[in-house]
N, C-alpha and C. Protein backbone atom coordinates (compact mmCIF):
# COMPACT_ATOMS: atom_id res chain seq x y z
N MET A 1 -19.73 9.98 -13.00
CA MET A 1 -19.11 8.66 -12.97
C MET A 1 -19.22 8.03 -14.35
N SER A 2 -18.13 7.41 -14.78
CA SER A 2 -18.09 6.78 -16.08
C SER A 2 -18.86 5.48 -16.08
N ASP A 3 -19.17 5.02 -17.27
CA ASP A 3 -19.82 3.74 -17.45
C ASP A 3 -18.84 2.63 -17.08
N LEU A 4 -19.32 1.61 -16.37
CA LEU A 4 -18.49 0.49 -15.93
C LEU A 4 -17.78 -0.15 -17.12
N ASN A 5 -18.47 -0.30 -18.24
CA ASN A 5 -17.86 -0.93 -19.41
C ASN A 5 -16.73 -0.08 -19.99
N GLU A 6 -16.88 1.25 -19.94
CA GLU A 6 -15.81 2.13 -20.43
C GLU A 6 -14.55 1.98 -19.58
N VAL A 7 -14.73 1.99 -18.27
CA VAL A 7 -13.59 1.85 -17.35
C VAL A 7 -12.97 0.46 -17.52
N GLY A 8 -13.82 -0.57 -17.63
CA GLY A 8 -13.32 -1.93 -17.80
C GLY A 8 -12.52 -2.10 -19.08
N GLU A 9 -13.01 -1.57 -20.17
CA GLU A 9 -12.29 -1.65 -21.45
C GLU A 9 -10.95 -0.92 -21.36
N ARG A 10 -10.98 0.28 -20.80
CA ARG A 10 -9.75 1.07 -20.68
C ARG A 10 -8.70 0.35 -19.85
N ASP A 11 -9.14 -0.30 -18.76
CA ASP A 11 -8.21 -0.99 -17.86
C ASP A 11 -7.96 -2.45 -18.25
N GLY A 12 -8.48 -2.87 -19.38
CA GLY A 12 -8.24 -4.24 -19.85
C GLY A 12 -8.88 -5.29 -18.97
N TRP A 13 -9.95 -4.91 -18.27
CA TRP A 13 -10.68 -5.81 -17.38
C TRP A 13 -9.75 -6.50 -16.38
N ARG A 14 -8.84 -5.70 -15.80
CA ARG A 14 -7.94 -6.18 -14.74
C ARG A 14 -8.12 -5.29 -13.52
N CYS A 15 -8.18 -5.91 -12.36
CA CYS A 15 -8.33 -5.18 -11.10
C CYS A 15 -7.04 -4.42 -10.79
N TRP A 16 -7.15 -3.14 -10.48
CA TRP A 16 -5.96 -2.36 -10.19
C TRP A 16 -5.32 -2.75 -8.87
N LEU A 17 -6.06 -3.39 -7.99
CA LEU A 17 -5.51 -3.77 -6.69
C LEU A 17 -4.80 -5.12 -6.72
N CYS A 18 -5.47 -6.15 -7.22
CA CYS A 18 -4.87 -7.49 -7.18
C CYS A 18 -4.28 -7.92 -8.52
N ASP A 19 -4.52 -7.16 -9.58
CA ASP A 19 -4.01 -7.41 -10.93
C ASP A 19 -4.51 -8.73 -11.52
N VAL A 20 -5.69 -9.17 -11.08
CA VAL A 20 -6.31 -10.38 -11.59
C VAL A 20 -7.47 -9.96 -12.50
N ALA A 21 -7.74 -10.77 -13.51
CA ALA A 21 -8.81 -10.46 -14.46
C ALA A 21 -10.15 -10.30 -13.74
N VAL A 22 -10.95 -9.36 -14.23
CA VAL A 22 -12.30 -9.12 -13.72
C VAL A 22 -13.27 -9.59 -14.80
N ASP A 23 -14.22 -10.42 -14.41
CA ASP A 23 -15.22 -10.93 -15.36
C ASP A 23 -16.27 -9.86 -15.59
N PRO A 24 -16.35 -9.33 -16.82
CA PRO A 24 -17.33 -8.27 -17.08
C PRO A 24 -18.77 -8.74 -16.96
N ASP A 25 -18.99 -10.05 -17.04
CA ASP A 25 -20.35 -10.58 -16.97
C ASP A 25 -20.75 -11.00 -15.56
N ALA A 26 -19.83 -10.91 -14.60
CA ALA A 26 -20.14 -11.29 -13.22
C ALA A 26 -21.09 -10.25 -12.61
N SER A 27 -21.86 -10.69 -11.66
CA SER A 27 -22.78 -9.79 -10.97
C SER A 27 -22.00 -8.72 -10.21
N VAL A 28 -22.46 -7.48 -10.27
CA VAL A 28 -21.80 -6.41 -9.53
C VAL A 28 -21.98 -6.59 -8.03
N ASN A 29 -22.85 -7.50 -7.61
CA ASN A 29 -23.05 -7.79 -6.19
C ASN A 29 -22.11 -8.89 -5.69
N SER A 30 -21.42 -9.57 -6.61
CA SER A 30 -20.48 -10.63 -6.24
C SER A 30 -19.14 -10.00 -5.85
N ASP A 31 -18.41 -10.64 -4.92
CA ASP A 31 -17.09 -10.13 -4.55
C ASP A 31 -16.14 -10.09 -5.74
N LEU A 32 -16.31 -11.00 -6.70
CA LEU A 32 -15.45 -11.03 -7.88
C LEU A 32 -16.04 -10.23 -9.04
N GLY A 33 -17.17 -9.59 -8.80
CA GLY A 33 -17.80 -8.77 -9.82
C GLY A 33 -17.08 -7.44 -10.00
N PRO A 34 -17.34 -6.76 -11.12
CA PRO A 34 -16.67 -5.50 -11.40
C PRO A 34 -17.25 -4.33 -10.62
N SER A 35 -16.37 -3.40 -10.27
CA SER A 35 -16.80 -2.14 -9.66
C SER A 35 -15.82 -1.05 -10.08
N VAL A 36 -16.25 0.17 -9.95
CA VAL A 36 -15.40 1.31 -10.30
C VAL A 36 -14.95 1.98 -9.01
N ASP A 37 -13.65 2.13 -8.87
CA ASP A 37 -13.07 2.83 -7.73
C ASP A 37 -12.62 4.19 -8.22
N SER A 38 -13.00 5.23 -7.53
CA SER A 38 -12.57 6.57 -7.93
C SER A 38 -11.73 7.20 -6.83
N PHE A 39 -10.81 8.06 -7.24
CA PHE A 39 -10.00 8.80 -6.28
C PHE A 39 -9.75 10.20 -6.84
N SER A 40 -9.53 11.13 -5.94
CA SER A 40 -9.34 12.53 -6.33
C SER A 40 -7.90 12.94 -6.08
N VAL A 41 -7.40 13.78 -6.97
CA VAL A 41 -6.08 14.36 -6.82
C VAL A 41 -6.23 15.87 -6.90
N THR A 42 -5.79 16.57 -5.86
CA THR A 42 -5.87 18.02 -5.85
C THR A 42 -4.73 18.56 -6.69
N VAL A 43 -5.11 19.26 -7.77
CA VAL A 43 -4.13 19.82 -8.69
C VAL A 43 -3.75 21.23 -8.27
N SER A 44 -4.74 21.99 -7.83
CA SER A 44 -4.51 23.34 -7.33
C SER A 44 -5.61 23.67 -6.34
N LYS A 45 -5.58 24.88 -5.80
CA LYS A 45 -6.61 25.26 -4.84
C LYS A 45 -8.00 25.26 -5.46
N LYS A 46 -8.05 25.47 -6.77
CA LYS A 46 -9.34 25.57 -7.44
C LYS A 46 -9.70 24.34 -8.27
N ARG A 47 -8.78 23.38 -8.35
CA ARG A 47 -9.06 22.24 -9.24
C ARG A 47 -8.69 20.91 -8.59
N THR A 48 -9.62 19.99 -8.67
CA THR A 48 -9.41 18.62 -8.23
C THR A 48 -9.80 17.70 -9.38
N ASP A 49 -8.90 16.81 -9.77
CA ASP A 49 -9.19 15.85 -10.82
C ASP A 49 -9.65 14.54 -10.19
N VAL A 50 -10.63 13.90 -10.81
CA VAL A 50 -11.15 12.62 -10.33
C VAL A 50 -10.76 11.55 -11.35
N TYR A 51 -10.19 10.47 -10.86
CA TYR A 51 -9.78 9.34 -11.70
C TYR A 51 -10.56 8.10 -11.28
N GLU A 52 -10.80 7.25 -12.25
CA GLU A 52 -11.55 6.01 -11.98
C GLU A 52 -10.74 4.82 -12.46
N ARG A 53 -10.81 3.74 -11.65
CA ARG A 53 -10.08 2.52 -11.95
C ARG A 53 -11.01 1.33 -11.74
N LEU A 54 -10.75 0.26 -12.46
CA LEU A 54 -11.55 -0.96 -12.33
C LEU A 54 -11.02 -1.80 -11.17
N ALA A 55 -11.93 -2.35 -10.38
CA ALA A 55 -11.55 -3.22 -9.26
C ALA A 55 -12.62 -4.29 -9.08
N HIS A 56 -12.22 -5.42 -8.49
CA HIS A 56 -13.23 -6.38 -8.04
C HIS A 56 -14.01 -5.69 -6.92
N ARG A 57 -15.25 -6.02 -6.80
CA ARG A 57 -16.06 -5.43 -5.72
C ARG A 57 -15.45 -5.74 -4.35
N GLY A 58 -15.01 -6.99 -4.15
CA GLY A 58 -14.40 -7.37 -2.89
C GLY A 58 -13.10 -6.63 -2.60
N CYS A 59 -12.26 -6.44 -3.62
CA CYS A 59 -11.00 -5.70 -3.44
C CYS A 59 -11.30 -4.24 -3.11
N ASN A 60 -12.27 -3.68 -3.79
CA ASN A 60 -12.65 -2.28 -3.57
C ASN A 60 -13.19 -2.09 -2.16
N THR A 61 -14.00 -3.03 -1.70
CA THR A 61 -14.56 -2.95 -0.36
C THR A 61 -13.46 -3.09 0.69
N MET A 62 -12.55 -4.03 0.48
CA MET A 62 -11.46 -4.25 1.44
C MET A 62 -10.55 -3.04 1.52
N LYS A 63 -10.36 -2.34 0.40
CA LYS A 63 -9.51 -1.15 0.37
C LYS A 63 -10.00 -0.10 1.35
N GLY A 64 -11.31 -0.08 1.60
CA GLY A 64 -11.87 0.88 2.55
C GLY A 64 -11.55 0.53 3.99
N LYS A 65 -11.19 -0.74 4.24
CA LYS A 65 -10.90 -1.19 5.61
C LYS A 65 -9.41 -1.15 5.93
N ILE A 66 -8.59 -1.49 4.97
CA ILE A 66 -7.14 -1.51 5.18
C ILE A 66 -6.46 -0.80 4.02
N ALA A 67 -5.25 -0.32 4.26
CA ALA A 67 -4.50 0.36 3.20
C ALA A 67 -4.21 -0.63 2.07
N PRO A 68 -4.38 -0.20 0.82
CA PRO A 68 -4.13 -1.12 -0.30
C PRO A 68 -2.66 -1.48 -0.42
N VAL A 69 -2.43 -2.71 -0.85
CA VAL A 69 -1.08 -3.19 -1.13
C VAL A 69 -1.09 -3.67 -2.58
N VAL A 70 -0.16 -3.16 -3.35
CA VAL A 70 -0.02 -3.60 -4.73
C VAL A 70 1.18 -4.55 -4.76
N PRO A 71 0.93 -5.85 -4.85
CA PRO A 71 2.04 -6.81 -4.78
C PRO A 71 2.84 -6.87 -6.08
N TRP A 72 4.12 -7.15 -5.94
CA TRP A 72 4.98 -7.41 -7.10
C TRP A 72 4.62 -8.79 -7.64
N SER A 73 4.75 -8.97 -8.93
CA SER A 73 4.47 -10.26 -9.55
C SER A 73 5.48 -11.30 -9.07
N THR A 74 4.98 -12.48 -8.77
CA THR A 74 5.87 -13.57 -8.35
C THR A 74 6.67 -14.13 -9.52
N ASP A 75 6.31 -13.74 -10.75
CA ASP A 75 7.03 -14.21 -11.93
C ASP A 75 8.32 -13.42 -12.19
N LEU A 76 8.50 -12.31 -11.47
CA LEU A 76 9.67 -11.46 -11.67
C LEU A 76 10.79 -11.86 -10.73
N LEU A 77 12.02 -11.64 -11.20
CA LEU A 77 13.18 -11.87 -10.35
C LEU A 77 13.69 -10.50 -9.91
N VAL A 78 13.18 -10.05 -8.76
CA VAL A 78 13.60 -8.76 -8.20
C VAL A 78 14.07 -8.98 -6.76
N VAL A 79 15.03 -8.18 -6.35
CA VAL A 79 15.59 -8.26 -5.01
C VAL A 79 15.26 -6.96 -4.29
N ASP A 80 14.86 -7.06 -3.04
CA ASP A 80 14.53 -5.89 -2.23
C ASP A 80 13.55 -4.94 -2.93
N PRO A 81 12.41 -5.44 -3.41
CA PRO A 81 11.47 -4.53 -4.06
C PRO A 81 10.84 -3.58 -3.04
N SER A 82 10.72 -2.34 -3.42
CA SER A 82 10.08 -1.34 -2.55
C SER A 82 8.58 -1.51 -2.60
N PRO A 83 7.88 -1.10 -1.54
CA PRO A 83 6.41 -1.13 -1.57
C PRO A 83 5.90 -0.12 -2.61
N ILE A 84 5.18 -0.61 -3.59
CA ILE A 84 4.75 0.22 -4.71
C ILE A 84 3.88 1.38 -4.26
N VAL A 85 2.94 1.15 -3.36
CA VAL A 85 2.02 2.21 -2.93
C VAL A 85 2.80 3.36 -2.28
N ALA A 86 3.72 3.04 -1.40
CA ALA A 86 4.49 4.08 -0.70
C ALA A 86 5.37 4.88 -1.67
N VAL A 87 6.00 4.20 -2.62
CA VAL A 87 6.85 4.89 -3.60
C VAL A 87 6.01 5.83 -4.46
N VAL A 88 4.88 5.36 -4.93
CA VAL A 88 4.02 6.20 -5.77
C VAL A 88 3.52 7.41 -4.98
N ASP A 89 3.15 7.21 -3.73
CA ASP A 89 2.71 8.34 -2.90
C ASP A 89 3.82 9.37 -2.75
N ARG A 90 5.05 8.92 -2.48
CA ARG A 90 6.17 9.87 -2.36
C ARG A 90 6.43 10.60 -3.66
N LEU A 91 6.44 9.87 -4.77
CA LEU A 91 6.70 10.51 -6.06
C LEU A 91 5.57 11.46 -6.46
N ARG A 92 4.34 11.14 -6.07
CA ARG A 92 3.21 12.03 -6.35
C ARG A 92 3.40 13.36 -5.60
N ARG A 93 3.85 13.29 -4.35
CA ARG A 93 4.03 14.49 -3.54
C ARG A 93 5.27 15.28 -3.93
N LYS A 94 6.39 14.58 -4.14
CA LYS A 94 7.67 15.25 -4.30
C LYS A 94 8.22 15.26 -5.71
N GLY A 95 7.71 14.35 -6.57
CA GLY A 95 8.30 14.23 -7.90
C GLY A 95 9.66 13.55 -7.81
N GLY A 96 10.43 13.67 -8.85
CA GLY A 96 11.78 13.11 -8.86
C GLY A 96 11.82 11.65 -9.24
N ARG A 97 12.73 10.92 -8.61
CA ARG A 97 12.94 9.51 -8.93
C ARG A 97 13.34 8.75 -7.69
N GLU A 98 13.20 7.43 -7.76
CA GLU A 98 13.52 6.60 -6.60
C GLU A 98 13.88 5.20 -7.07
N ILE A 99 14.87 4.60 -6.42
CA ILE A 99 15.21 3.21 -6.71
C ILE A 99 14.09 2.35 -6.13
N ILE A 100 13.56 1.47 -6.97
CA ILE A 100 12.40 0.68 -6.54
C ILE A 100 12.73 -0.80 -6.39
N ALA A 101 13.81 -1.28 -7.03
CA ALA A 101 14.18 -2.69 -6.90
C ALA A 101 15.57 -2.91 -7.48
N ARG A 102 16.11 -4.08 -7.17
CA ARG A 102 17.37 -4.52 -7.78
C ARG A 102 17.09 -5.81 -8.53
N CYS A 103 17.78 -5.99 -9.65
CA CYS A 103 17.61 -7.20 -10.46
C CYS A 103 18.98 -7.80 -10.77
N PRO A 104 19.07 -9.12 -10.87
CA PRO A 104 20.36 -9.78 -11.12
C PRO A 104 20.98 -9.43 -12.47
N ASP A 105 20.17 -9.27 -13.51
CA ASP A 105 20.73 -8.94 -14.82
C ASP A 105 19.80 -7.99 -15.58
N GLN A 106 20.28 -7.55 -16.73
CA GLN A 106 19.54 -6.56 -17.50
C GLN A 106 18.21 -7.08 -18.03
N ASN A 107 18.15 -8.35 -18.40
CA ASN A 107 16.89 -8.93 -18.88
C ASN A 107 15.83 -8.94 -17.77
N ASP A 108 16.24 -9.30 -16.55
CA ASP A 108 15.31 -9.28 -15.42
C ASP A 108 14.84 -7.85 -15.15
N ALA A 109 15.74 -6.89 -15.27
CA ALA A 109 15.39 -5.48 -15.06
C ALA A 109 14.39 -5.02 -16.12
N ARG A 110 14.59 -5.46 -17.36
CA ARG A 110 13.68 -5.08 -18.45
C ARG A 110 12.28 -5.67 -18.21
N GLU A 111 12.24 -6.94 -17.81
CA GLU A 111 10.95 -7.57 -17.52
C GLU A 111 10.24 -6.87 -16.35
N ALA A 112 10.99 -6.57 -15.30
CA ALA A 112 10.41 -5.87 -14.15
C ALA A 112 9.93 -4.48 -14.54
N SER A 113 10.69 -3.81 -15.38
CA SER A 113 10.32 -2.48 -15.84
C SER A 113 9.02 -2.52 -16.64
N ASP A 114 8.92 -3.44 -17.58
CA ASP A 114 7.70 -3.56 -18.40
C ASP A 114 6.49 -3.86 -17.53
N TRP A 115 6.65 -4.80 -16.59
CA TRP A 115 5.54 -5.16 -15.71
C TRP A 115 5.13 -3.96 -14.85
N LEU A 116 6.12 -3.28 -14.28
CA LEU A 116 5.85 -2.16 -13.38
C LEU A 116 5.13 -1.02 -14.11
N LEU A 117 5.57 -0.67 -15.29
CA LEU A 117 4.92 0.41 -16.03
C LEU A 117 3.48 0.05 -16.40
N ASP A 118 3.25 -1.21 -16.78
CA ASP A 118 1.89 -1.65 -17.07
C ASP A 118 1.03 -1.58 -15.82
N ARG A 119 1.58 -2.05 -14.70
CA ARG A 119 0.84 -2.06 -13.42
C ARG A 119 0.51 -0.65 -12.96
N LEU A 120 1.48 0.26 -13.10
CA LEU A 120 1.27 1.63 -12.66
C LEU A 120 0.29 2.39 -13.55
N SER A 121 0.13 1.96 -14.79
CA SER A 121 -0.85 2.62 -15.67
C SER A 121 -2.26 2.43 -15.12
N ARG A 122 -2.50 1.35 -14.37
CA ARG A 122 -3.80 1.14 -13.74
C ARG A 122 -3.84 1.66 -12.32
N PHE A 123 -2.72 1.54 -11.61
CA PHE A 123 -2.68 1.97 -10.22
C PHE A 123 -2.69 3.50 -10.08
N ALA A 124 -1.91 4.17 -10.89
CA ALA A 124 -1.80 5.63 -10.80
C ALA A 124 -1.96 6.25 -12.19
N PRO A 125 -3.19 6.22 -12.73
CA PRO A 125 -3.38 6.71 -14.10
C PRO A 125 -3.15 8.22 -14.24
N ASP A 126 -3.07 8.93 -13.14
CA ASP A 126 -2.86 10.37 -13.19
C ASP A 126 -1.39 10.75 -13.36
N LEU A 127 -0.48 9.80 -13.23
CA LEU A 127 0.95 10.08 -13.31
C LEU A 127 1.57 9.37 -14.51
N ASN A 128 2.58 9.99 -15.08
CA ASN A 128 3.34 9.37 -16.16
C ASN A 128 4.69 8.96 -15.59
N PHE A 129 5.01 7.67 -15.72
CA PHE A 129 6.25 7.15 -15.17
C PHE A 129 7.18 6.69 -16.28
N GLU A 130 8.45 6.63 -15.91
CA GLU A 130 9.50 6.11 -16.76
C GLU A 130 10.39 5.29 -15.85
N THR A 131 10.99 4.25 -16.39
CA THR A 131 11.95 3.47 -15.60
C THR A 131 13.31 3.53 -16.26
N GLU A 132 14.31 3.25 -15.46
CA GLU A 132 15.67 3.22 -15.94
C GLU A 132 16.40 2.12 -15.18
N ALA A 133 17.17 1.31 -15.88
CA ALA A 133 17.97 0.27 -15.24
C ALA A 133 19.43 0.65 -15.35
N GLN A 134 20.08 0.77 -14.21
CA GLN A 134 21.49 1.15 -14.20
C GLN A 134 22.31 0.05 -13.54
N PRO A 135 23.46 -0.29 -14.12
CA PRO A 135 24.31 -1.30 -13.50
C PRO A 135 24.94 -0.75 -12.23
N GLY A 136 25.10 -1.63 -11.25
CA GLY A 136 25.74 -1.22 -10.01
C GLY A 136 25.94 -2.41 -9.09
N GLY A 137 27.16 -2.64 -8.67
CA GLY A 137 27.44 -3.71 -7.71
C GLY A 137 27.16 -5.10 -8.24
N GLY A 138 27.34 -5.31 -9.54
CA GLY A 138 27.10 -6.62 -10.12
C GLY A 138 25.63 -6.91 -10.38
N GLN A 139 24.78 -5.92 -10.15
CA GLN A 139 23.34 -6.06 -10.39
C GLN A 139 22.87 -4.84 -11.18
N PHE A 140 21.58 -4.79 -11.41
CA PHE A 140 20.98 -3.63 -12.04
C PHE A 140 19.93 -3.06 -11.08
N VAL A 141 20.03 -1.75 -10.83
CA VAL A 141 19.02 -1.11 -10.01
C VAL A 141 17.94 -0.56 -10.93
N LEU A 142 16.70 -0.75 -10.53
CA LEU A 142 15.56 -0.27 -11.29
C LEU A 142 15.10 1.03 -10.66
N ILE A 143 15.11 2.08 -11.44
CA ILE A 143 14.76 3.42 -10.96
C ILE A 143 13.43 3.81 -11.58
N LEU A 144 12.54 4.31 -10.74
CA LEU A 144 11.24 4.80 -11.19
C LEU A 144 11.24 6.31 -11.06
N LYS A 145 10.79 6.99 -12.12
CA LYS A 145 10.72 8.44 -12.05
C LYS A 145 9.45 8.96 -12.69
N VAL A 146 9.01 10.10 -12.20
CA VAL A 146 7.84 10.78 -12.73
C VAL A 146 8.31 11.68 -13.86
N VAL A 147 7.62 11.63 -14.99
CA VAL A 147 7.96 12.51 -16.12
C VAL A 147 6.87 13.51 -16.38
């Protein structure tokens, strides 16, 4: 297991679940204190990679009780956003690409793309993603793909 400070620095002291800042000086026994969440990805029959992410202790504990939900930012203008956790799980299993949201214009699509890629760098550090915004039906569809 990595040092809490190493994981915190790498993740910019932001919780991968709620995307809110984590106080590095808070008690690890506090719900808002820092904790390290680890998960395993089976790469082959002989190899499993372990990844670690920073989370609030309370968020990490709650994740054990209910399936995690990674909410879209309320600052973004997106229409019909897909559930991030489900899309990432499908792309992890199958690869390829998937439409993840629609945006009214190209600037909104660019903002959503930047936010999503930053968010996914903490949520799924084992995968490399790319986004693409394509015009369609008077809007722009935001496509997420694994590279």
